[in-house]
Amino acid sequence: MHTILLVEDNEMNRDMLSRRLVRKGYRVLTAEDGLAGVELAATELPDLVLMDLSLPVLDGWEATKRLKADPKTRSVPVIALTAHAMAGDERKAFEAGCDDFDTKPVDLPRLLGKIEAALVKSE
């Protein structure tokens, strides 16, 4: 069973997406801000991180940079999630080290495809 770390500050989004991922057979860990996400990733070593970009304490771009700078978490795929898909956000996410990018509201079949592709690529 693969473990996904969902870093999302919106409680309703976090709850909805984590329940849907659990129903698809994933173990889901959650964090409410970027710093907590970085710390949890370092201790739990998830198979994949879903990273909201607009987060309190530490935004998703900086959190991803820290994950990719740490030898323990460098190889963990990160998929950026954002509701504010502004011009340049996707490029900025890739520059921060994200492996893929998706927009909210979440299209579950599309996101599951990206998750599965990232997990296969990282094995």
PDB file of N, CA and C in Angstrom:
ATOM      1  N   MET A   1       0.841  -1.179   0.000  1.00  0.00           N
ATOM      2  CA  MET A   1       0.000   0.000   0.000  1.00  0.00           C
ATOM      3  C   MET A   1       0.890   1.249   0.000  1.00  0.00           C
ATOM      4  N   HIS A   2       0.654   2.133  -0.948  1.00  0.00           N
ATOM      5  CA  HIS A   2       1.428   3.372  -1.046  1.00  0.00           C
ATOM      6  C   HIS A   2       0.905   4.411  -0.062  1.00  0.00           C
ATOM      7  N   THR A   3       1.826   5.205   0.466  1.00  0.00           N
ATOM      8  CA  THR A   3       1.475   6.273   1.388  1.00  0.00           C
ATOM      9  C   THR A   3       1.597   7.612   0.683  1.00  0.00           C
ATOM     10  N   ILE A   4       0.533   8.413   0.789  1.00  0.00           N
ATOM     11  CA  ILE A   4       0.511   9.753   0.218  1.00  0.00           C
ATOM     12  C   ILE A   4       0.406  10.758   1.347  1.00  0.00           C
ATOM     13  N   LEU A   5       1.263  11.765   1.300  1.00  0.00           N
ATOM     14  CA  LEU A   5       1.180  12.886   2.238  1.00  0.00           C
ATOM     15  C   LEU A   5       0.437  14.005   1.528  1.00  0.00           C
ATOM     16  N   LEU A   6      -0.695  14.410   2.083  1.00  0.00           N
ATOM     17  CA  LEU A   6      -1.498  15.500   1.547  1.00  0.00           C
ATOM     18  C   LEU A   6      -1.261  16.736   2.397  1.00  0.00           C
ATOM     19  N   VAL A   7      -0.645  17.749   1.809  1.00  0.00           N
ATOM     20  CA  VAL A   7      -0.375  18.999   2.518  1.00  0.00           C
ATOM     21  C   VAL A   7      -1.389  20.019   2.006  1.00  0.00           C
ATOM     22  N   GLU A   8      -2.383  20.292   2.834  1.00  0.00           N
ATOM     23  CA  GLU A   8      -3.534  21.115   2.428  1.00  0.00           C
ATOM     24  C   GLU A   8      -4.071  21.845   3.655  1.00  0.00           C
ATOM     25  N   ASP A   9      -4.191  23.171   3.572  1.00  0.00           N
ATOM     26  CA  ASP A   9      -4.658  23.931   4.723  1.00  0.00           C
ATOM     27  C   ASP A   9      -6.174  24.017   4.831  1.00  0.00           C
ATOM     28  N   ASN A  10      -6.904  23.789   3.746  1.00  0.00           N
ATOM     29  CA  ASN A  10      -8.358  23.867   3.775  1.00  0.00           C
ATOM     30  C   ASN A  10      -8.914  22.542   4.286  1.00  0.00           C
ATOM     31  N   GLU A  11      -9.569  22.586   5.440  1.00  0.00           N
ATOM     32  CA  GLU A  11     -10.042  21.369   6.091  1.00  0.00           C
ATOM     33  C   GLU A  11     -11.008  20.570   5.216  1.00  0.00           C
ATOM     34  N   MET A  12     -11.917  21.259   4.544  1.00  0.00           N
ATOM     35  CA  MET A  12     -12.886  20.561   3.707  1.00  0.00           C
ATOM     36  C   MET A  12     -12.191  19.866   2.529  1.00  0.00           C
ATOM     37  N   ASN A  13     -11.260  20.547   1.874  1.00  0.00           N
ATOM     38  CA  ASN A  13     -10.510  19.936   0.765  1.00  0.00           C
ATOM     39  C   ASN A  13      -9.675  18.757   1.256  1.00  0.00           C
ATOM     40  N   ARG A  14      -9.029  18.937   2.403  1.00  0.00           N
ATOM     41  CA  ARG A  14      -8.167  17.894   2.976  1.00  0.00           C
ATOM     42  C   ARG A  14      -8.995  16.645   3.291  1.00  0.00           C
ATOM     43  N   ASP A  15     -10.139  16.847   3.936  1.00  0.00           N
ATOM     44  CA  ASP A  15     -10.985  15.730   4.328  1.00  0.00           C
ATOM     45  C   ASP A  15     -11.548  15.008   3.106  1.00  0.00           C
ATOM     46  N   MET A  16     -12.070  15.771   2.153  1.00  0.00           N
ATOM     47  CA  MET A  16     -12.677  15.176   0.956  1.00  0.00           C
ATOM     48  C   MET A  16     -11.651  14.384   0.159  1.00  0.00           C
ATOM     49  N   LEU A  17     -10.488  14.990  -0.111  1.00  0.00           N
ATOM     50  CA  LEU A  17      -9.492  14.313  -0.927  1.00  0.00           C
ATOM     51  C   LEU A  17      -8.887  13.120  -0.189  1.00  0.00           C
ATOM     52  N   SER A  18      -8.628  13.260   1.092  1.00  0.00           N
ATOM     53  CA  SER A  18      -8.037  12.126   1.815  1.00  0.00           C
ATOM     54  C   SER A  18      -9.003  10.941   1.853  1.00  0.00           C
ATOM     55  N   ARG A  19     -10.300  11.187   2.051  1.00  0.00           N
ATOM     56  CA  ARG A  19     -11.271  10.083   2.052  1.00  0.00           C
ATOM     57  C   ARG A  19     -11.335   9.399   0.687  1.00  0.00           C
ATOM     58  N   ARG A  20     -11.283  10.181  -0.378  1.00  0.00           N
ATOM     59  CA  ARG A  20     -11.339   9.606  -1.724  1.00  0.00           C
ATOM     60  C   ARG A  20     -10.087   8.780  -2.022  1.00  0.00           C
ATOM     61  N   LEU A  21      -8.936   9.247  -1.557  1.00  0.00           N
ATOM     62  CA  LEU A  21      -7.689   8.500  -1.779  1.00  0.00           C
ATOM     63  C   LEU A  21      -7.667   7.205  -0.967  1.00  0.00           C
ATOM     64  N   VAL A  22      -8.171   7.253   0.261  1.00  0.00           N
ATOM     65  CA  VAL A  22      -8.246   6.049   1.090  1.00  0.00           C
ATOM     66  C   VAL A  22      -9.140   5.010   0.406  1.00  0.00           C
ATOM     67  N   ARG A  23     -10.262   5.457  -0.143  1.00  0.00           N
ATOM     68  CA  ARG A  23     -11.163   4.524  -0.857  1.00  0.00           C
ATOM     69  C   ARG A  23     -10.487   3.897  -2.073  1.00  0.00           C
ATOM     70  N   LYS A  24      -9.489   4.573  -2.635  1.00  0.00           N
ATOM     71  CA  LYS A  24      -8.743   4.038  -3.779  1.00  0.00           C
ATOM     72  C   LYS A  24      -7.578   3.156  -3.341  1.00  0.00           C
ATOM     73  N   GLY A  25      -7.423   2.963  -2.025  1.00  0.00           N
ATOM     74  CA  GLY A  25      -6.416   2.027  -1.532  1.00  0.00           C
ATOM     75  C   GLY A  25      -5.116   2.638  -1.047  1.00  0.00           C
ATOM     76  N   TYR A  26      -5.070   3.957  -0.913  1.00  0.00           N
ATOM     77  CA  TYR A  26      -3.851   4.609  -0.428  1.00  0.00           C
ATOM     78  C   TYR A  26      -3.934   4.849   1.078  1.00  0.00           C
ATOM     79  N   ARG A  27      -2.798   4.834   1.722  1.00  0.00           N
ATOM     80  CA  ARG A  27      -2.677   5.293   3.106  1.00  0.00           C
ATOM     81  C   ARG A  27      -2.406   6.789   3.000  1.00  0.00           C
ATOM     82  N   VAL A  28      -3.148   7.602   3.739  1.00  0.00           N
ATOM     83  CA  VAL A  28      -3.022   9.053   3.607  1.00  0.00           C
ATOM     84  C   VAL A  28      -2.622   9.683   4.933  1.00  0.00           C
ATOM     85  N   LEU A  29      -1.553  10.480   4.876  1.00  0.00           N
ATOM     86  CA  LEU A  29      -1.127  11.317   5.990  1.00  0.00           C
ATOM     87  C   LEU A  29      -1.475  12.746   5.604  1.00  0.00           C
ATOM     88  N   THR A  30      -1.767  13.592   6.587  1.00  0.00           N
ATOM     89  CA  THR A  30      -2.111  14.971   6.258  1.00  0.00           C
ATOM     90  C   THR A  30      -1.319  15.958   7.099  1.00  0.00           C
ATOM     91  N   ALA A  31      -1.087  17.122   6.504  1.00  0.00           N
ATOM     92  CA  ALA A  31      -0.461  18.246   7.197  1.00  0.00           C
ATOM     93  C   ALA A  31      -1.207  19.512   6.774  1.00  0.00           C
ATOM     94  N   GLU A  32      -1.310  20.466   7.690  1.00  0.00           N
ATOM     95  CA  GLU A  32      -2.099  21.676   7.444  1.00  0.00           C
ATOM     96  C   GLU A  32      -1.270  22.868   6.987  1.00  0.00           C
ATOM     97  N   ASP A  33       0.047  22.759   7.027  1.00  0.00           N
ATOM     98  CA  ASP A  33       0.896  23.854   6.553  1.00  0.00           C
ATOM     99  C   ASP A  33       2.187  23.279   5.989  1.00  0.00           C
ATOM    100  N   GLY A  34       2.918  24.122   5.262  1.00  0.00           N
ATOM    101  CA  GLY A  34       4.117  23.653   4.583  1.00  0.00           C
ATOM    102  C   GLY A  34       5.198  23.142   5.508  1.00  0.00           C
ATOM    103  N   LEU A  35       5.404  23.806   6.626  1.00  0.00           N
ATOM    104  CA  LEU A  35       6.451  23.370   7.555  1.00  0.00           C
ATOM    105  C   LEU A  35       6.105  22.013   8.157  1.00  0.00           C
ATOM    106  N   ALA A  36       4.848  21.840   8.566  1.00  0.00           N
ATOM    107  CA  ALA A  36       4.420  20.539   9.111  1.00  0.00           C
ATOM    108  C   ALA A  36       4.555  19.455   8.041  1.00  0.00           C
ATOM    109  N   GLY A  37       4.282  19.806   6.783  1.00  0.00           N
ATOM    110  CA  GLY A  37       4.429  18.846   5.689  1.00  0.00           C
ATOM    111  C   GLY A  37       5.865  18.407   5.496  1.00  0.00           C
ATOM    112  N   VAL A  38       6.794  19.356   5.544  1.00  0.00           N
ATOM    113  CA  VAL A  38       8.218  19.031   5.399  1.00  0.00           C
ATOM    114  C   VAL A  38       8.664  18.127   6.542  1.00  0.00           C
ATOM    115  N   GLU A  39       8.252  18.460   7.761  1.00  0.00           N
ATOM    116  CA  GLU A  39       8.643  17.668   8.932  1.00  0.00           C
ATOM    117  C   GLU A  39       8.055  16.260   8.877  1.00  0.00           C
ATOM    118  N   LEU A  40       6.779  16.154   8.492  1.00  0.00           N
ATOM    119  CA  LEU A  40       6.129  14.846   8.417  1.00  0.00           C
ATOM    120  C   LEU A  40       6.759  13.991   7.308  1.00  0.00           C
ATOM    121  N   ALA A  41       7.080  14.609   6.189  1.00  0.00           N
ATOM    122  CA  ALA A  41       7.726  13.871   5.093  1.00  0.00           C
ATOM    123  C   ALA A  41       9.070  13.306   5.540  1.00  0.00           C
ATOM    124  N   ALA A  42       9.817  14.074   6.318  1.00  0.00           N
ATOM    125  CA  ALA A  42      11.134  13.619   6.769  1.00  0.00           C
ATOM    126  C   ALA A  42      11.034  12.447   7.746  1.00  0.00           C
ATOM    127  N   THR A  43       9.975  12.411   8.545  1.00  0.00           N
ATOM    128  CA  THR A  43       9.849  11.328   9.524  1.00  0.00           C
ATOM    129  C   THR A  43       9.125  10.111   8.959  1.00  0.00           C
ATOM    130  N   GLU A  44       8.133  10.330   8.097  1.00  0.00           N
ATOM    131  CA  GLU A  44       7.312   9.224   7.584  1.00  0.00           C
ATOM    132  C   GLU A  44       7.754   8.688   6.224  1.00  0.00           C
ATOM    133  N   LEU A  45       8.526   9.470   5.468  1.00  0.00           N
ATOM    134  CA  LEU A  45       8.988   9.107   4.131  1.00  0.00           C
ATOM    135  C   LEU A  45       7.855   8.534   3.256  1.00  0.00           C
ATOM    136  N   PRO A  46       6.870   9.377   2.922  1.00  0.00           N
ATOM    137  CA  PRO A  46       5.765   8.910   2.083  1.00  0.00           C
ATOM    138  C   PRO A  46       6.247   8.562   0.676  1.00  0.00           C
ATOM    139  N   ASP A  47       5.414   7.856  -0.056  1.00  0.00           N
ATOM    140  CA  ASP A  47       5.744   7.497  -1.433  1.00  0.00           C
ATOM    141  C   ASP A  47       5.507   8.660  -2.392  1.00  0.00           C
ATOM    142  N   LEU A  48       4.646   9.618  -1.982  1.00  0.00           N
ATOM    143  CA  LEU A  48       4.302  10.752  -2.832  1.00  0.00           C
ATOM    144  C   LEU A  48       3.728  11.864  -1.960  1.00  0.00           C
ATOM    145  N   VAL A  49       3.934  13.101  -2.383  1.00  0.00           N
ATOM    146  CA  VAL A  49       3.371  14.257  -1.675  1.00  0.00           C
ATOM    147  C   VAL A  49       2.462  15.020  -2.631  1.00  0.00           C
ATOM    148  N   LEU A  50       1.247  15.311  -2.161  1.00  0.00           N
ATOM    149  CA  LEU A  50       0.351  16.238  -2.852  1.00  0.00           C
ATOM    150  C   LEU A  50       0.472  17.561  -2.110  1.00  0.00           C
ATOM    151  N   MET A  51       0.992  18.588  -2.770  1.00  0.00           N
ATOM    152  CA  MET A  51       1.359  19.842  -2.112  1.00  0.00           C
ATOM    153  C   MET A  51       0.520  21.005  -2.608  1.00  0.00           C
ATOM    154  N   ASP A  52      -0.344  21.512  -1.725  1.00  0.00           N
ATOM    155  CA  ASP A  52      -1.027  22.766  -2.031  1.00  0.00           C
ATOM    156  C   ASP A  52       0.061  23.838  -2.106  1.00  0.00           C
ATOM    157  N   LEU A  53      -0.111  24.822  -2.955  1.00  0.00           N
ATOM    158  CA  LEU A  53       0.917  25.853  -3.079  1.00  0.00           C
ATOM    159  C   LEU A  53       0.673  27.035  -2.153  1.00  0.00           C
ATOM    160  N   SER A  54      -0.593  27.347  -1.894  1.00  0.00           N
ATOM    161  CA  SER A  54      -0.937  28.477  -1.019  1.00  0.00           C
ATOM    162  C   SER A  54      -1.168  27.954   0.392  1.00  0.00           C
ATOM    163  N   LEU A  55      -0.092  27.929   1.167  1.00  0.00           N
ATOM    164  CA  LEU A  55      -0.142  27.369   2.521  1.00  0.00           C
ATOM    165  C   LEU A  55       0.338  28.387   3.552  1.00  0.00           C
ATOM    166  N   PRO A  56      -0.160  28.274   4.790  1.00  0.00           N
ATOM    167  CA  PRO A  56       0.375  29.123   5.859  1.00  0.00           C
ATOM    168  C   PRO A  56       1.730  28.601   6.350  1.00  0.00           C
ATOM    169  N   VAL A  57       2.401  29.399   7.119  1.00  0.00           N
ATOM    170  CA  VAL A  57       3.693  29.126   7.747  1.00  0.00           C
ATOM    171  C   VAL A  57       4.805  29.040   6.702  1.00  0.00           C
ATOM    172  N   LEU A  58       4.672  28.130   5.758  1.00  0.00           N
ATOM    173  CA  LEU A  58       5.658  27.920   4.694  1.00  0.00           C
ATOM    174  C   LEU A  58       4.875  27.545   3.436  1.00  0.00           C
ATOM    175  N   ASP A  59       4.993  28.358   2.376  1.00  0.00           N
ATOM    176  CA  ASP A  59       4.183  28.056   1.195  1.00  0.00           C
ATOM    177  C   ASP A  59       4.673  26.790   0.500  1.00  0.00           C
ATOM    178  N   GLY A  60       3.858  26.289  -0.415  1.00  0.00           N
ATOM    179  CA  GLY A  60       4.153  25.020  -1.078  1.00  0.00           C
ATOM    180  C   GLY A  60       5.407  25.043  -1.930  1.00  0.00           C
ATOM    181  N   TRP A  61       5.726  26.211  -2.498  1.00  0.00           N
ATOM    182  CA  TRP A  61       6.952  26.309  -3.301  1.00  0.00           C
ATOM    183  C   TRP A  61       8.181  26.103  -2.415  1.00  0.00           C
ATOM    184  N   GLU A  62       8.215  26.817  -1.281  1.00  0.00           N
ATOM    185  CA  GLU A  62       9.366  26.699  -0.375  1.00  0.00           C
ATOM    186  C   GLU A  62       9.411  25.320   0.273  1.00  0.00           C
ATOM    187  N   ALA A  63       8.250  24.789   0.639  1.00  0.00           N
ATOM    188  CA  ALA A  63       8.210  23.445   1.234  1.00  0.00           C
ATOM    189  C   ALA A  63       8.780  22.417   0.253  1.00  0.00           C
ATOM    190  N   THR A  64       8.418  22.541  -1.021  1.00  0.00           N
ATOM    191  CA  THR A  64       8.937  21.615  -2.036  1.00  0.00           C
ATOM    192  C   THR A  64      10.444  21.772  -2.186  1.00  0.00           C
ATOM    193  N   LYS A  65      10.926  22.999  -2.206  1.00  0.00           N
ATOM    194  CA  LYS A  65      12.379  23.228  -2.293  1.00  0.00           C
ATOM    195  C   LYS A  65      13.104  22.529  -1.151  1.00  0.00           C
ATOM    196  N   ARG A  66      12.528  22.610   0.051  1.00  0.00           N
ATOM    197  CA  ARG A  66      13.162  21.963   1.212  1.00  0.00           C
ATOM    198  C   ARG A  66      13.129  20.446   1.093  1.00  0.00           C
ATOM    199  N   LEU A  67      12.014  19.899   0.606  1.00  0.00           N
ATOM    200  CA  LEU A  67      11.937  18.444   0.415  1.00  0.00           C
ATOM    201  C   LEU A  67      12.975  17.973  -0.594  1.00  0.00           C
ATOM    202  N   LYS A  68      13.138  18.721  -1.675  1.00  0.00           N
ATOM    203  CA  LYS A  68      14.070  18.328  -2.732  1.00  0.00           C
ATOM    204  C   LYS A  68      15.530  18.582  -2.338  1.00  0.00           C
ATOM    205  N   ALA A  69      15.764  19.432  -1.348  1.00  0.00           N
ATOM    206  CA  ALA A  69      17.127  19.701  -0.874  1.00  0.00           C
ATOM    207  C   ALA A  69      17.595  18.676   0.162  1.00  0.00           C
ATOM    208  N   ASP A  70      16.648  17.956   0.763  1.00  0.00           N
ATOM    209  CA  ASP A  70      16.972  16.980   1.809  1.00  0.00           C
ATOM    210  C   ASP A  70      17.218  15.611   1.162  1.00  0.00           C
ATOM    211  N   PRO A  71      18.399  15.019   1.373  1.00  0.00           N
ATOM    212  CA  PRO A  71      18.682  13.707   0.771  1.00  0.00           C
ATOM    213  C   PRO A  71      17.651  12.634   1.134  1.00  0.00           C
ATOM    214  N   LYS A  72      17.027  12.737   2.318  1.00  0.00           N
ATOM    215  CA  LYS A  72      16.039  11.741   2.740  1.00  0.00           C
ATOM    216  C   LYS A  72      14.759  11.811   1.905  1.00  0.00           C
ATOM    217  N   THR A  73      14.371  13.007   1.470  1.00  0.00           N
ATOM    218  CA  THR A  73      13.085  13.179   0.784  1.00  0.00           C
ATOM    219  C   THR A  73      13.233  13.615  -0.677  1.00  0.00           C
ATOM    220  N   ARG A  74      14.455  13.768  -1.130  1.00  0.00           N
ATOM    221  CA  ARG A  74      14.722  14.270  -2.488  1.00  0.00           C
ATOM    222  C   ARG A  74      14.005  13.459  -3.572  1.00  0.00           C
ATOM    223  N   SER A  75      13.950  12.145  -3.413  1.00  0.00           N
ATOM    224  CA  SER A  75      13.389  11.295  -4.471  1.00  0.00           C
ATOM    225  C   SER A  75      11.870  11.118  -4.364  1.00  0.00           C
ATOM    226  N   VAL A  76      11.249  11.675  -3.339  1.00  0.00           N
ATOM    227  CA  VAL A  76       9.792  11.558  -3.182  1.00  0.00           C
ATOM    228  C   VAL A  76       9.111  12.472  -4.205  1.00  0.00           C
ATOM    229  N   PRO A  77       8.266  11.913  -5.075  1.00  0.00           N
ATOM    230  CA  PRO A  77       7.580  12.761  -6.055  1.00  0.00           C
ATOM    231  C   PRO A  77       6.628  13.743  -5.368  1.00  0.00           C
ATOM    232  N   VAL A  78       6.586  14.961  -5.891  1.00  0.00           N
ATOM    233  CA  VAL A  78       5.694  15.996  -5.376  1.00  0.00           C
ATOM    234  C   VAL A  78       4.801  16.465  -6.520  1.00  0.00           C
ATOM    235  N   ILE A  79       3.490  16.406  -6.282  1.00  0.00           N
ATOM    236  CA  ILE A  79       2.524  16.945  -7.235  1.00  0.00           C
ATOM    237  C   ILE A  79       1.933  18.200  -6.618  1.00  0.00           C
ATOM    238  N   ALA A  80       2.118  19.335  -7.287  1.00  0.00           N
ATOM    239  CA  ALA A  80       1.573  20.605  -6.820  1.00  0.00           C
ATOM    240  C   ALA A  80       0.080  20.655  -7.105  1.00  0.00           C
ATOM    241  N   LEU A  81      -0.677  21.174  -6.142  1.00  0.00           N
ATOM    242  CA  LEU A  81      -2.111  21.395  -6.310  1.00  0.00           C
ATOM    243  C   LEU A  81      -2.402  22.858  -6.043  1.00  0.00           C
ATOM    244  N   THR A  82      -3.169  23.494  -6.924  1.00  0.00           N
ATOM    245  CA  THR A  82      -3.503  24.889  -6.667  1.00  0.00           C
ATOM    246  C   THR A  82      -4.855  25.247  -7.249  1.00  0.00           C
ATOM    247  N   ALA A  83      -5.561  26.100  -6.535  1.00  0.00           N
ATOM    248  CA  ALA A  83      -6.822  26.644  -7.027  1.00  0.00           C
ATOM    249  C   ALA A  83      -6.560  27.936  -7.785  1.00  0.00           C
ATOM    250  N   HIS A  84      -5.401  28.500  -7.592  1.00  0.00           N
ATOM    251  CA  HIS A  84      -5.054  29.785  -8.195  1.00  0.00           C
ATOM    252  C   HIS A  84      -4.054  29.570  -9.320  1.00  0.00           C
ATOM    253  N   ALA A  85      -4.522  28.966 -10.392  1.00  0.00           N
ATOM    254  CA  ALA A  85      -3.632  28.659 -11.515  1.00  0.00           C
ATOM    255  C   ALA A  85      -3.371  29.919 -12.332  1.00  0.00           C
ATOM    256  N   MET A  86      -2.471  30.731 -11.845  1.00  0.00           N
ATOM    257  CA  MET A  86      -2.095  31.961 -12.536  1.00  0.00           C
ATOM    258  C   MET A  86      -1.006  31.643 -13.555  1.00  0.00           C
ATOM    259  N   ALA A  87      -0.900  32.505 -14.535  1.00  0.00           N
ATOM    260  CA  ALA A  87       0.170  32.343 -15.524  1.00  0.00           C
ATOM    261  C   ALA A  87       1.499  32.302 -14.785  1.00  0.00           C
ATOM    262  N   GLY A  88       2.283  31.303 -15.038  1.00  0.00           N
ATOM    263  CA  GLY A  88       3.588  31.188 -14.413  1.00  0.00           C
ATOM    264  C   GLY A  88       3.617  30.293 -13.182  1.00  0.00           C
ATOM    265  N   ASP A  89       2.447  29.983 -12.599  1.00  0.00           N
ATOM    266  CA  ASP A  89       2.443  29.125 -11.405  1.00  0.00           C
ATOM    267  C   ASP A  89       2.977  27.729 -11.707  1.00  0.00           C
ATOM    268  N   GLU A  90       2.602  27.189 -12.848  1.00  0.00           N
ATOM    269  CA  GLU A  90       3.067  25.844 -13.202  1.00  0.00           C
ATOM    270  C   GLU A  90       4.585  25.841 -13.377  1.00  0.00           C
ATOM    271  N   ARG A  91       5.094  26.823 -14.087  1.00  0.00           N
ATOM    272  CA  ARG A  91       6.556  26.938 -14.289  1.00  0.00           C
ATOM    273  C   ARG A  91       7.261  27.102 -12.944  1.00  0.00           C
ATOM    274  N   LYS A  92       6.696  27.955 -12.089  1.00  0.00           N
ATOM    275  CA  LYS A  92       7.286  28.196 -10.768  1.00  0.00           C
ATOM    276  C   LYS A  92       7.286  26.908  -9.927  1.00  0.00           C
ATOM    277  N   ALA A  93       6.218  26.114 -10.045  1.00  0.00           N
ATOM    278  CA  ALA A  93       6.144  24.854  -9.299  1.00  0.00           C
ATOM    279  C   ALA A  93       7.223  23.888  -9.770  1.00  0.00           C
ATOM    280  N   PHE A  94       7.417  23.793 -11.092  1.00  0.00           N
ATOM    281  CA  PHE A  94       8.459  22.908 -11.613  1.00  0.00           C
ATOM    282  C   PHE A  94       9.850  23.406 -11.211  1.00  0.00           C
ATOM    283  N   GLU A  95      10.045  24.720 -11.213  1.00  0.00           N
ATOM    284  CA  GLU A  95      11.337  25.278 -10.795  1.00  0.00           C
ATOM    285  C   GLU A  95      11.622  24.988  -9.321  1.00  0.00           C
ATOM    286  N   ALA A  96      10.571  24.906  -8.502  1.00  0.00           N
ATOM    287  CA  ALA A  96      10.738  24.591  -7.079  1.00  0.00           C
ATOM    288  C   ALA A  96      11.062  23.123  -6.854  1.00  0.00           C
ATOM    289  N   GLY A  97      10.832  22.289  -7.893  1.00  0.00           N
ATOM    290  CA  GLY A  97      11.152  20.868  -7.777  1.00  0.00           C
ATOM    291  C   GLY A  97       9.957  19.945  -7.890  1.00  0.00           C
ATOM    292  N   CYS A  98       8.758  20.495  -8.108  1.00  0.00           N
ATOM    293  CA  CYS A  98       7.585  19.631  -8.249  1.00  0.00           C
ATOM    294  C   CYS A  98       7.742  18.738  -9.473  1.00  0.00           C
ATOM    295  N   ASP A  99       7.233  17.531  -9.348  1.00  0.00           N
ATOM    296  CA  ASP A  99       7.316  16.560 -10.430  1.00  0.00           C
ATOM    297  C   ASP A  99       6.118  16.638 -11.373  1.00  0.00           C
ATOM    298  N   ASP A 100       5.019  17.207 -10.873  1.00  0.00           N
ATOM    299  CA  ASP A 100       3.824  17.383 -11.699  1.00  0.00           C
ATOM    300  C   ASP A 100       2.996  18.502 -11.075  1.00  0.00           C
ATOM    301  N   PHE A 101       1.912  18.866 -11.750  1.00  0.00           N
ATOM    302  CA  PHE A 101       1.114  20.026 -11.384  1.00  0.00           C
ATOM    303  C   PHE A 101      -0.338  19.721 -11.718  1.00  0.00           C
ATOM    304  N   ASP A 102      -1.255  20.050 -10.815  1.00  0.00           N
ATOM    305  CA  ASP A 102      -2.672  19.868 -11.086  1.00  0.00           C
ATOM    306  C   ASP A 102      -3.452  21.006 -10.443  1.00  0.00           C
ATOM    307  N   THR A 103      -4.648  21.242 -10.968  1.00  0.00           N
ATOM    308  CA  THR A 103      -5.451  22.355 -10.486  1.00  0.00           C
ATOM    309  C   THR A 103      -6.640  21.869  -9.677  1.00  0.00           C
ATOM    310  N   LYS A 104      -7.135  22.760  -8.830  1.00  0.00           N
ATOM    311  CA  LYS A 104      -8.362  22.529  -8.073  1.00  0.00           C
ATOM    312  C   LYS A 104      -9.462  23.329  -8.751  1.00  0.00           C
ATOM    313  N   PRO A 105     -10.709  22.894  -8.653  1.00  0.00           N
ATOM    314  CA  PRO A 105     -11.129  21.704  -7.926  1.00  0.00           C
ATOM    315  C   PRO A 105     -10.536  20.443  -8.563  1.00  0.00           C
ATOM    316  N   VAL A 106     -10.271  19.487  -7.710  1.00  0.00           N
ATOM    317  CA  VAL A 106      -9.604  18.262  -8.143  1.00  0.00           C
ATOM    318  C   VAL A 106     -10.519  17.445  -9.053  1.00  0.00           C
ATOM    319  N   ASP A 107      -9.976  17.055 -10.188  1.00  0.00           N
ATOM    320  CA  ASP A 107     -10.609  16.092 -11.087  1.00  0.00           C
ATOM    321  C   ASP A 107      -9.965  14.762 -10.694  1.00  0.00           C
ATOM    322  N   LEU A 108     -10.677  13.955  -9.891  1.00  0.00           N
ATOM    323  CA  LEU A 108     -10.070  12.756  -9.302  1.00  0.00           C
ATOM    324  C   LEU A 108      -9.485  11.789 -10.328  1.00  0.00           C
ATOM    325  N   PRO A 109     -10.182  11.449 -11.400  1.00  0.00           N
ATOM    326  CA  PRO A 109      -9.559  10.527 -12.369  1.00  0.00           C
ATOM    327  C   PRO A 109      -8.247  11.085 -12.944  1.00  0.00           C
ATOM    328  N   ARG A 110      -8.208  12.375 -13.246  1.00  0.00           N
ATOM    329  CA  ARG A 110      -6.981  12.984 -13.784  1.00  0.00           C
ATOM    330  C   ARG A 110      -5.866  12.948 -12.739  1.00  0.00           C
ATOM    331  N   LEU A 111      -6.205  13.320 -11.485  1.00  0.00           N
ATOM    332  CA  LEU A 111      -5.194  13.326 -10.426  1.00  0.00           C
ATOM    333  C   LEU A 111      -4.698  11.908 -10.140  1.00  0.00           C
ATOM    334  N   LEU A 112      -5.597  10.932 -10.112  1.00  0.00           N
ATOM    335  CA  LEU A 112      -5.174   9.545  -9.878  1.00  0.00           C
ATOM    336  C   LEU A 112      -4.215   9.080 -10.958  1.00  0.00           C
ATOM    337  N   GLY A 113      -4.456   9.480 -12.197  1.00  0.00           N
ATOM    338  CA  GLY A 113      -3.537   9.148 -13.282  1.00  0.00           C
ATOM    339  C   GLY A 113      -2.158   9.732 -13.040  1.00  0.00           C
ATOM    340  N   LYS A 114      -2.115  10.972 -12.568  1.00  0.00           N
ATOM    341  CA  LYS A 114      -0.826  11.613 -12.281  1.00  0.00           C
ATOM    342  C   LYS A 114      -0.133  10.950 -11.096  1.00  0.00           C
ATOM    343  N   ILE A 115      -0.907  10.581 -10.076  1.00  0.00           N
ATOM    344  CA  ILE A 115      -0.342   9.901  -8.905  1.00  0.00           C
ATOM    345  C   ILE A 115       0.262   8.558  -9.337  1.00  0.00           C
ATOM    346  N   GLU A 116      -0.507   7.778 -10.077  1.00  0.00           N
ATOM    347  CA  GLU A 116      -0.035   6.454 -10.497  1.00  0.00           C
ATOM    348  C   GLU A 116       1.198   6.561 -11.382  1.00  0.00           C
ATOM    349  N   ALA A 117       1.220   7.535 -12.290  1.00  0.00           N
ATOM    350  CA  ALA A 117       2.381   7.716 -13.158  1.00  0.00           C
ATOM    351  C   ALA A 117       3.612   8.096 -12.348  1.00  0.00           C
ATOM    352  N   ALA A 118       3.448   8.975 -11.369  1.00  0.00           N
ATOM    353  CA  ALA A 118       4.579   9.398 -10.535  1.00  0.00           C
ATOM    354  C   ALA A 118       5.103   8.250  -9.682  1.00  0.00           C
ATOM    355  N   LEU A 119       4.203   7.426  -9.161  1.00  0.00           N
ATOM    356  CA  LEU A 119       4.624   6.285  -8.339  1.00  0.00           C
ATOM    357  C   LEU A 119       5.371   5.255  -9.167  1.00  0.00           C
ATOM    358  N   VAL A 120       4.909   4.988 -10.364  1.00  0.00           N
ATOM    359  CA  VAL A 120       5.587   4.031 -11.254  1.00  0.00           C
ATOM    360  C   VAL A 120       6.977   4.571 -11.607  1.00  0.00           C
ATOM    361  N   LYS A 121       7.044   5.844 -11.918  1.00  0.00           N
ATOM    362  CA  LYS A 121       8.316   6.466 -12.322  1.00  0.00           C
ATOM    363  C   LYS A 121       9.334   6.455 -11.175  1.00  0.00           C
ATOM    364  N   SER A 122       8.850   6.556  -9.928  1.00  0.00           N
ATOM    365  CA  SER A 122       9.767   6.633  -8.782  1.00  0.00           C
ATOM    366  C   SER A 122      10.227   5.271  -8.280  1.00  0.00           C
ATOM    367  N   GLU A 123       9.630   4.198  -8.767  1.00  0.00           N
ATOM    368  CA  GLU A 123       9.999   2.854  -8.274  1.00  0.00           C
ATOM    369  C   GLU A 123      11.290   2.359  -8.907  1.00  0.00           C
TER     370      GLU A 123
END
